[in-house]
């Protein structure tokens, strides 16, 4: 089950804008996660943790697709001319 699927299931009867406001998550970010237009990234981990707590899930339960061996998320950035990639994956 993807993050989007989990959010759709857990938030189906909730007003997404109210949830976003209550958890201090940008509304567009939450809507895009639910609609699978955007995948969660490392820079939004605090929002993900707050959302997982709100849904009574662990962060792992929210992010991990049990059927997939792919990384949950990755972030690429440059620093002093060097490229770095951080991946979050289940071990």
PDB file of N, CA and C in Angstrom:
ATOM      1  N   UNK A   1       0.856  -1.177   0.000  1.00  0.00           N
ATOM      2  CA  UNK A   1       0.000   0.000   0.000  1.00  0.00           C
ATOM      3  C   UNK A   1       0.898   1.235   0.000  1.00  0.00           C
ATOM      4  N   UNK A   2       0.623   2.190  -0.866  1.00  0.00           N
ATOM      5  CA  UNK A   2       1.427   3.398  -0.967  1.00  0.00           C
ATOM      6  C   UNK A   2       1.033   4.409   0.115  1.00  0.00           C
ATOM      7  N   UNK A   3       1.849   5.437   0.268  1.00  0.00           N
ATOM      8  CA  UNK A   3       1.534   6.510   1.222  1.00  0.00           C
ATOM      9  C   UNK A   3       0.188   7.115   0.864  1.00  0.00           C
ATOM     10  N   UNK A   4      -0.012   7.371  -0.410  1.00  0.00           N
ATOM     11  CA  UNK A   4      -1.280   7.945  -0.867  1.00  0.00           C
ATOM     12  C   UNK A   4      -2.465   7.050  -0.493  1.00  0.00           C
ATOM     13  N   UNK A   5      -2.327   5.747  -0.726  1.00  0.00           N
ATOM     14  CA  UNK A   5      -3.406   4.804  -0.396  1.00  0.00           C
ATOM     15  C   UNK A   5      -3.696   4.804   1.105  1.00  0.00           C
ATOM     16  N   UNK A   6      -2.640   4.793   1.893  1.00  0.00           N
ATOM     17  CA  UNK A   6      -2.808   4.811   3.350  1.00  0.00           C
ATOM     18  C   UNK A   6      -3.517   6.077   3.793  1.00  0.00           C
ATOM     19  N   UNK A   7      -3.091   7.227   3.248  1.00  0.00           N
ATOM     20  CA  UNK A   7      -3.718   8.496   3.626  1.00  0.00           C
ATOM     21  C   UNK A   7      -5.173   8.554   3.181  1.00  0.00           C
ATOM     22  N   UNK A   8      -5.451   8.084   1.977  1.00  0.00           N
ATOM     23  CA  UNK A   8      -6.843   8.075   1.502  1.00  0.00           C
ATOM     24  C   UNK A   8      -7.719   7.247   2.434  1.00  0.00           C
ATOM     25  N   UNK A   9      -7.211   6.091   2.834  1.00  0.00           N
ATOM     26  CA  UNK A   9      -7.976   5.197   3.714  1.00  0.00           C
ATOM     27  C   UNK A   9      -8.181   5.827   5.092  1.00  0.00           C
ATOM     28  N   UNK A  10      -7.116   6.363   5.671  1.00  0.00           N
ATOM     29  CA  UNK A  10      -7.185   6.893   7.037  1.00  0.00           C
ATOM     30  C   UNK A  10      -7.869   8.256   7.128  1.00  0.00           C
ATOM     31  N   UNK A  11      -7.833   9.026   6.052  1.00  0.00           N
ATOM     32  CA  UNK A  11      -8.388  10.386   6.086  1.00  0.00           C
ATOM     33  C   UNK A  11      -9.683  10.526   5.294  1.00  0.00           C
ATOM     34  N   UNK A  12     -10.297   9.410   4.913  1.00  0.00           N
ATOM     35  CA  UNK A  12     -11.447   9.459   4.006  1.00  0.00           C
ATOM     36  C   UNK A  12     -12.608  10.305   4.510  1.00  0.00           C
ATOM     37  N   UNK A  13     -12.853  10.348   5.785  1.00  0.00           N
ATOM     38  CA  UNK A  13     -13.983  11.116   6.321  1.00  0.00           C
ATOM     39  C   UNK A  13     -13.561  12.446   6.929  1.00  0.00           C
ATOM     40  N   UNK A  14     -12.335  12.844   6.678  1.00  0.00           N
ATOM     41  CA  UNK A  14     -11.801  14.065   7.300  1.00  0.00           C
ATOM     42  C   UNK A  14     -11.662  15.179   6.258  1.00  0.00           C
ATOM     43  N   UNK A  15     -11.779  16.396   6.729  1.00  0.00           N
ATOM     44  CA  UNK A  15     -11.528  17.574   5.907  1.00  0.00           C
ATOM     45  C   UNK A  15     -10.013  17.791   5.893  1.00  0.00           C
ATOM     46  N   UNK A  16      -9.388  17.594   4.734  1.00  0.00           N
ATOM     47  CA  UNK A  16      -7.931  17.671   4.637  1.00  0.00           C
ATOM     48  C   UNK A  16      -7.387  19.039   5.028  1.00  0.00           C
ATOM     49  N   UNK A  17      -8.095  20.087   4.677  1.00  0.00           N
ATOM     50  CA  UNK A  17      -7.630  21.433   5.031  1.00  0.00           C
ATOM     51  C   UNK A  17      -7.610  21.629   6.542  1.00  0.00           C
ATOM     52  N   UNK A  18      -8.632  21.107   7.220  1.00  0.00           N
ATOM     53  CA  UNK A  18      -8.666  21.206   8.684  1.00  0.00           C
ATOM     54  C   UNK A  18      -7.539  20.399   9.315  1.00  0.00           C
ATOM     55  N   UNK A  19      -7.309  19.197   8.813  1.00  0.00           N
ATOM     56  CA  UNK A  19      -6.237  18.355   9.337  1.00  0.00           C
ATOM     57  C   UNK A  19      -4.900  19.059   9.141  1.00  0.00           C
ATOM     58  N   UNK A  20      -4.675  19.581   7.945  1.00  0.00           N
ATOM     59  CA  UNK A  20      -3.417  20.286   7.655  1.00  0.00           C
ATOM     60  C   UNK A  20      -3.232  21.477   8.597  1.00  0.00           C
ATOM     61  N   UNK A  21      -4.277  22.238   8.783  1.00  0.00           N
ATOM     62  CA  UNK A  21      -4.201  23.414   9.673  1.00  0.00           C
ATOM     63  C   UNK A  21      -3.908  22.978  11.107  1.00  0.00           C
ATOM     64  N   UNK A  22      -4.598  21.954  11.572  1.00  0.00           N
ATOM     65  CA  UNK A  22      -4.418  21.455  12.935  1.00  0.00           C
ATOM     66  C   UNK A  22      -2.985  20.959  13.165  1.00  0.00           C
ATOM     67  N   UNK A  23      -2.401  20.309  12.156  1.00  0.00           N
ATOM     68  CA  UNK A  23      -1.065  19.731  12.293  1.00  0.00           C
ATOM     69  C   UNK A  23       0.045  20.660  11.800  1.00  0.00           C
ATOM     70  N   UNK A  24      -0.367  21.839  11.327  1.00  0.00           N
ATOM     71  CA  UNK A  24       0.588  22.826  10.799  1.00  0.00           C
ATOM     72  C   UNK A  24       1.390  22.273   9.622  1.00  0.00           C
ATOM     73  N   UNK A  25       0.672  21.555   8.749  1.00  0.00           N
ATOM     74  CA  UNK A  25       1.236  21.038   7.499  1.00  0.00           C
ATOM     75  C   UNK A  25       0.676  21.913   6.382  1.00  0.00           C
ATOM     76  N   UNK A  26       1.508  22.364   5.444  1.00  0.00           N
ATOM     77  CA  UNK A  26       0.949  23.135   4.327  1.00  0.00           C
ATOM     78  C   UNK A  26      -0.176  22.344   3.645  1.00  0.00           C
ATOM     79  N   UNK A  27      -1.310  23.021   3.428  1.00  0.00           N
ATOM     80  CA  UNK A  27      -2.479  22.343   2.849  1.00  0.00           C
ATOM     81  C   UNK A  27      -2.163  21.692   1.516  1.00  0.00           C
ATOM     82  N   UNK A  28      -1.453  22.409   0.663  1.00  0.00           N
ATOM     83  CA  UNK A  28      -1.154  21.853  -0.657  1.00  0.00           C
ATOM     84  C   UNK A  28      -0.291  20.601  -0.532  1.00  0.00           C
ATOM     85  N   UNK A  29       0.609  20.584   0.421  1.00  0.00           N
ATOM     86  CA  UNK A  29       1.470  19.424   0.619  1.00  0.00           C
ATOM     87  C   UNK A  29       0.639  18.187   0.982  1.00  0.00           C
ATOM     88  N   UNK A  30      -0.253  18.326   1.941  1.00  0.00           N
ATOM     89  CA  UNK A  30      -1.096  17.203   2.344  1.00  0.00           C
ATOM     90  C   UNK A  30      -1.974  16.736   1.193  1.00  0.00           C
ATOM     91  N   UNK A  31      -2.592  17.675   0.486  1.00  0.00           N
ATOM     92  CA  UNK A  31      -3.445  17.318  -0.652  1.00  0.00           C
ATOM     93  C   UNK A  31      -2.641  16.576  -1.724  1.00  0.00           C
ATOM     94  N   UNK A  32      -1.424  17.029  -1.988  1.00  0.00           N
ATOM     95  CA  UNK A  32      -0.598  16.378  -3.011  1.00  0.00           C
ATOM     96  C   UNK A  32      -0.151  14.984  -2.568  1.00  0.00           C
ATOM     97  N   UNK A  33       0.113  14.789  -1.288  1.00  0.00           N
ATOM     98  CA  UNK A  33       0.446  13.447  -0.790  1.00  0.00           C
ATOM     99  C   UNK A  33      -0.735  12.507  -0.971  1.00  0.00           C
ATOM    100  N   UNK A  34      -1.923  12.975  -0.603  1.00  0.00           N
ATOM    101  CA  UNK A  34      -3.122  12.142  -0.700  1.00  0.00           C
ATOM    102  C   UNK A  34      -3.422  11.792  -2.158  1.00  0.00           C
ATOM    103  N   UNK A  35      -3.234  12.748  -3.054  1.00  0.00           N
ATOM    104  CA  UNK A  35      -3.539  12.532  -4.472  1.00  0.00           C
ATOM    105  C   UNK A  35      -2.383  11.893  -5.242  1.00  0.00           C
ATOM    106  N   UNK A  36      -1.312  11.546  -4.543  1.00  0.00           N
ATOM    107  CA  UNK A  36      -0.123  10.923  -5.153  1.00  0.00           C
ATOM    108  C   UNK A  36       0.531  11.809  -6.210  1.00  0.00           C
ATOM    109  N   UNK A  37       0.363  13.111  -6.072  1.00  0.00           N
ATOM    110  CA  UNK A  37       1.023  14.051  -6.977  1.00  0.00           C
ATOM    111  C   UNK A  37       2.438  14.359  -6.496  1.00  0.00           C
ATOM    112  N   UNK A  38       2.694  14.017  -5.245  1.00  0.00           N
ATOM    113  CA  UNK A  38       3.996  14.294  -4.639  1.00  0.00           C
ATOM    114  C   UNK A  38       4.284  13.189  -3.636  1.00  0.00           C
ATOM    115  N   UNK A  39       5.530  12.771  -3.553  1.00  0.00           N
ATOM    116  CA  UNK A  39       5.898  11.776  -2.563  1.00  0.00           C
ATOM    117  C   UNK A  39       6.588  12.460  -1.389  1.00  0.00           C
ATOM    118  N   UNK A  40       6.442  11.919  -0.202  1.00  0.00           N
ATOM    119  CA  UNK A  40       7.093  12.507   0.968  1.00  0.00           C
ATOM    120  C   UNK A  40       8.610  12.530   0.798  1.00  0.00           C
ATOM    121  N   UNK A  41       9.236  13.554   1.339  1.00  0.00           N
ATOM    122  CA  UNK A  41      10.683  13.668   1.261  1.00  0.00           C
ATOM    123  C   UNK A  41      11.261  13.875   2.657  1.00  0.00           C
ATOM    124  N   UNK A  42      12.554  13.718   2.749  1.00  0.00           N
ATOM    125  CA  UNK A  42      13.243  13.852   4.022  1.00  0.00           C
ATOM    126  C   UNK A  42      13.044  15.229   4.633  1.00  0.00           C
ATOM    127  N   UNK A  43      12.964  16.261   3.798  1.00  0.00           N
ATOM    128  CA  UNK A  43      12.818  17.609   4.341  1.00  0.00           C
ATOM    129  C   UNK A  43      11.449  17.834   4.999  1.00  0.00           C
ATOM    130  N   UNK A  44      10.510  16.927   4.753  1.00  0.00           N
ATOM    131  CA  UNK A  44       9.174  17.037   5.352  1.00  0.00           C
ATOM    132  C   UNK A  44       8.935  16.007   6.440  1.00  0.00           C
ATOM    133  N   UNK A  45       9.997  15.426   6.955  1.00  0.00           N
ATOM    134  CA  UNK A  45       9.861  14.327   7.915  1.00  0.00           C
ATOM    135  C   UNK A  45       9.104  14.752   9.180  1.00  0.00           C
ATOM    136  N   UNK A  46       9.269  15.974   9.636  1.00  0.00           N
ATOM    137  CA  UNK A  46       8.545  16.416  10.848  1.00  0.00           C
ATOM    138  C   UNK A  46       7.042  16.448  10.585  1.00  0.00           C
ATOM    139  N   UNK A  47       6.636  16.865   9.382  1.00  0.00           N
ATOM    140  CA  UNK A  47       5.209  16.840   9.025  1.00  0.00           C
ATOM    141  C   UNK A  47       4.703  15.404   8.939  1.00  0.00           C
ATOM    142  N   UNK A  48       5.528  14.525   8.382  1.00  0.00           N
ATOM    143  CA  UNK A  48       5.153  13.118   8.286  1.00  0.00           C
ATOM    144  C   UNK A  48       4.986  12.491   9.658  1.00  0.00           C
ATOM    145  N   UNK A  49       5.900  12.808  10.563  1.00  0.00           N
ATOM    146  CA  UNK A  49       5.828  12.264  11.924  1.00  0.00           C
ATOM    147  C   UNK A  49       4.560  12.755  12.620  1.00  0.00           C
ATOM    148  N   UNK A  50       4.258  14.037  12.491  1.00  0.00           N
ATOM    149  CA  UNK A  50       3.036  14.589  13.096  1.00  0.00           C
ATOM    150  C   UNK A  50       1.791  13.927  12.508  1.00  0.00           C
ATOM    151  N   UNK A  51       1.797  13.706  11.202  1.00  0.00           N
ATOM    152  CA  UNK A  51       0.667  13.067  10.543  1.00  0.00           C
ATOM    153  C   UNK A  51       0.529  11.610  10.987  1.00  0.00           C
ATOM    154  N   UNK A  52       1.637  10.911  11.082  1.00  0.00           N
ATOM    155  CA  UNK A  52       1.606   9.521  11.556  1.00  0.00           C
ATOM    156  C   UNK A  52       1.043   9.456  12.975  1.00  0.00           C
ATOM    157  N   UNK A  53       1.499  10.350  13.850  1.00  0.00           N
ATOM    158  CA  UNK A  53       0.976  10.386  15.221  1.00  0.00           C
ATOM    159  C   UNK A  53      -0.529  10.653  15.230  1.00  0.00           C
ATOM    160  N   UNK A  54      -0.964  11.598  14.416  1.00  0.00           N
ATOM    161  CA  UNK A  54      -2.388  11.945  14.316  1.00  0.00           C
ATOM    162  C   UNK A  54      -3.213  10.724  13.882  1.00  0.00           C
ATOM    163  N   UNK A  55      -2.644   9.917  12.995  1.00  0.00           N
ATOM    164  CA  UNK A  55      -3.347   8.747  12.474  1.00  0.00           C
ATOM    165  C   UNK A  55      -3.121   7.495  13.309  1.00  0.00           C
ATOM    166  N   UNK A  56      -2.410   7.646  14.427  1.00  0.00           N
ATOM    167  CA  UNK A  56      -2.068   6.525  15.310  1.00  0.00           C
ATOM    168  C   UNK A  56      -1.282   5.444  14.569  1.00  0.00           C
ATOM    169  N   UNK A  57      -0.348   5.887  13.745  1.00  0.00           N
ATOM    170  CA  UNK A  57       0.535   5.001  13.002  1.00  0.00           C
ATOM    171  C   UNK A  57       1.978   5.309  13.377  1.00  0.00           C
ATOM    172  N   UNK A  58       2.848   4.353  13.174  1.00  0.00           N
ATOM    173  CA  UNK A  58       4.269   4.662  13.281  1.00  0.00           C
ATOM    174  C   UNK A  58       4.680   5.311  11.956  1.00  0.00           C
ATOM    175  N   UNK A  59       5.787   5.995  11.969  1.00  0.00           N
ATOM    176  CA  UNK A  59       6.291   6.598  10.743  1.00  0.00           C
ATOM    177  C   UNK A  59       6.554   5.503   9.707  1.00  0.00           C
ATOM    178  N   UNK A  60       7.063   4.373  10.166  1.00  0.00           N
ATOM    179  CA  UNK A  60       7.311   3.246   9.269  1.00  0.00           C
ATOM    180  C   UNK A  60       6.009   2.759   8.631  1.00  0.00           C
ATOM    181  N   UNK A  61       4.954   2.625   9.419  1.00  0.00           N
ATOM    182  CA  UNK A  61       3.673   2.158   8.873  1.00  0.00           C
ATOM    183  C   UNK A  61       3.132   3.114   7.820  1.00  0.00           C
ATOM    184  N   UNK A  62       3.382   4.391   8.003  1.00  0.00           N
ATOM    185  CA  UNK A  62       2.911   5.382   7.035  1.00  0.00           C
ATOM    186  C   UNK A  62       3.730   5.327   5.746  1.00  0.00           C
ATOM    187  N   UNK A  63       5.028   5.133   5.867  1.00  0.00           N
ATOM    188  CA  UNK A  63       5.916   5.259   4.712  1.00  0.00           C
ATOM    189  C   UNK A  63       6.244   3.972   3.969  1.00  0.00           C
ATOM    190  N   UNK A  64       6.305   2.863   4.666  1.00  0.00           N
ATOM    191  CA  UNK A  64       6.804   1.637   4.053  1.00  0.00           C
ATOM    192  C   UNK A  64       5.721   0.927   3.261  1.00  0.00           C
ATOM    193  N   UNK A  65       6.047   0.624   2.032  1.00  0.00           N
ATOM    194  CA  UNK A  65       5.205  -0.209   1.190  1.00  0.00           C
ATOM    195  C   UNK A  65       5.712  -1.632   1.362  1.00  0.00           C
ATOM    196  N   UNK A  66       4.966  -2.458   2.051  1.00  0.00           N
ATOM    197  CA  UNK A  66       5.394  -3.820   2.364  1.00  0.00           C
ATOM    198  C   UNK A  66       5.697  -4.642   1.107  1.00  0.00           C
ATOM    199  N   UNK A  67       5.099  -4.295  -0.008  1.00  0.00           N
ATOM    200  CA  UNK A  67       5.281  -5.069  -1.228  1.00  0.00           C
ATOM    201  C   UNK A  67       6.501  -4.626  -2.032  1.00  0.00           C
ATOM    202  N   UNK A  68       7.153  -3.566  -1.619  1.00  0.00           N
ATOM    203  CA  UNK A  68       8.209  -2.975  -2.430  1.00  0.00           C
ATOM    204  C   UNK A  68       9.568  -3.068  -1.753  1.00  0.00           C
ATOM    205  N   UNK A  69      10.581  -3.242  -2.554  1.00  0.00           N
ATOM    206  CA  UNK A  69      11.951  -3.208  -2.063  1.00  0.00           C
ATOM    207  C   UNK A  69      12.591  -1.847  -2.336  1.00  0.00           C
ATOM    208  N   UNK A  70      11.836  -0.939  -2.894  1.00  0.00           N
ATOM    209  CA  UNK A  70      12.355   0.377  -3.250  1.00  0.00           C
ATOM    210  C   UNK A  70      12.544   1.233  -2.005  1.00  0.00           C
ATOM    211  N   UNK A  71      13.467   2.203  -2.068  1.00  0.00           N
ATOM    212  CA  UNK A  71      13.597   3.134  -0.946  1.00  0.00           C
ATOM    213  C   UNK A  71      12.271   3.859  -0.713  1.00  0.00           C
ATOM    214  N   UNK A  72      11.997   4.178   0.521  1.00  0.00           N
ATOM    215  CA  UNK A  72      10.796   4.915   0.864  1.00  0.00           C
ATOM    216  C   UNK A  72      10.866   6.300   0.250  1.00  0.00           C
ATOM    217  N   UNK A  73      12.007   6.945   0.391  1.00  0.00           N
ATOM    218  CA  UNK A  73      12.203   8.267  -0.168  1.00  0.00           C
ATOM    219  C   UNK A  73      13.686   8.521  -0.310  1.00  0.00           C
ATOM    220  N   UNK A  74      14.041   9.456  -1.145  1.00  0.00           N
ATOM    221  CA  UNK A  74      15.438   9.848  -1.257  1.00  0.00           C
ATOM    222  C   UNK A  74      15.510  11.346  -1.513  1.00  0.00           C
ATOM    223  N   UNK A  75      16.619  11.914  -1.139  1.00  0.00           N
ATOM    224  CA  UNK A  75      16.846  13.342  -1.281  1.00  0.00           C
ATOM    225  C   UNK A  75      18.252  13.513  -1.829  1.00  0.00           C
ATOM    226  N   UNK A  76      18.387  14.273  -2.897  1.00  0.00           N
ATOM    227  CA  UNK A  76      19.694  14.558  -3.476  1.00  0.00           C
ATOM    228  C   UNK A  76      19.991  16.033  -3.289  1.00  0.00           C
ATOM    229  N   UNK A  77      21.227  16.331  -2.914  1.00  0.00           N
ATOM    230  CA  UNK A  77      21.615  17.724  -2.743  1.00  0.00           C
ATOM    231  C   UNK A  77      23.101  17.894  -3.033  1.00  0.00           C
ATOM    232  N   UNK A  78      23.499  19.148  -3.287  1.00  0.00           N
ATOM    233  CA  UNK A  78      24.896  19.503  -3.524  1.00  0.00           C
ATOM    234  C   UNK A  78      25.419  20.277  -2.327  1.00  0.00           C
ATOM    235  N   UNK A  79      26.684  20.048  -2.013  1.00  0.00           N
ATOM    236  CA  UNK A  79      27.343  20.803  -0.954  1.00  0.00           C
ATOM    237  C   UNK A  79      28.814  20.939  -1.332  1.00  0.00           C
ATOM    238  N   UNK A  80      29.274  22.157  -1.450  1.00  0.00           N
ATOM    239  CA  UNK A  80      30.672  22.440  -1.781  1.00  0.00           C
ATOM    240  C   UNK A  80      31.113  21.683  -3.038  1.00  0.00           C
ATOM    241  N   UNK A  81      30.237  21.653  -4.037  1.00  0.00           N
ATOM    242  CA  UNK A  81      30.576  21.020  -5.294  1.00  0.00           C
ATOM    243  C   UNK A  81      30.467  19.510  -5.316  1.00  0.00           C
ATOM    244  N   UNK A  82      30.029  18.911  -4.222  1.00  0.00           N
ATOM    245  CA  UNK A  82      29.857  17.460  -4.159  1.00  0.00           C
ATOM    246  C   UNK A  82      28.372  17.124  -4.103  1.00  0.00           C
ATOM    247  N   UNK A  83      28.004  16.040  -4.771  1.00  0.00           N
ATOM    248  CA  UNK A  83      26.601  15.589  -4.751  1.00  0.00           C
ATOM    249  C   UNK A  83      26.424  14.512  -3.700  1.00  0.00           C
ATOM    250  N   UNK A  84      25.297  14.578  -3.006  1.00  0.00           N
ATOM    251  CA  UNK A  84      24.954  13.592  -1.988  1.00  0.00           C
ATOM    252  C   UNK A  84      23.533  13.115  -2.216  1.00  0.00           C
ATOM    253  N   UNK A  85      23.262  11.870  -1.854  1.00  0.00           N
ATOM    254  CA  UNK A  85      21.913  11.324  -1.894  1.00  0.00           C
ATOM    255  C   UNK A  85      21.674  10.601  -0.573  1.00  0.00           C
ATOM    256  N   UNK A  86      20.566  10.934   0.060  1.00  0.00           N
ATOM    257  CA  UNK A  86      20.151  10.282   1.290  1.00  0.00           C
ATOM    258  C   UNK A  86      18.924   9.449   0.951  1.00  0.00           C
ATOM    259  N   UNK A  87      18.944   8.167   1.324  1.00  0.00           N
ATOM    260  CA  UNK A  87      17.802   7.293   1.084  1.00  0.00           C
ATOM    261  C   UNK A  87      17.290   6.773   2.406  1.00  0.00           C
ATOM    262  N   UNK A  88      15.993   6.692   2.517  1.00  0.00           N
ATOM    263  CA  UNK A  88      15.370   6.038   3.659  1.00  0.00           C
ATOM    264  C   UNK A  88      14.774   4.753   3.122  1.00  0.00           C
ATOM    265  N   UNK A  89      15.209   3.647   3.687  1.00  0.00           N
ATOM    266  CA  UNK A  89      14.679   2.374   3.251  1.00  0.00           C
ATOM    267  C   UNK A  89      14.566   1.422   4.429  1.00  0.00           C
ATOM    268  N   UNK A  90      13.739   0.451   4.283  1.00  0.00           N
ATOM    269  CA  UNK A  90      13.548  -0.527   5.329  1.00  0.00           C
ATOM    270  C   UNK A  90      14.726  -1.490   5.353  1.00  0.00           C
ATOM    271  N   UNK A  91      15.214  -1.796   6.538  1.00  0.00           N
ATOM    272  CA  UNK A  91      16.333  -2.731   6.661  1.00  0.00           C
ATOM    273  C   UNK A  91      15.924  -3.931   7.488  1.00  0.00           C
TER     274      UNK A  91
END
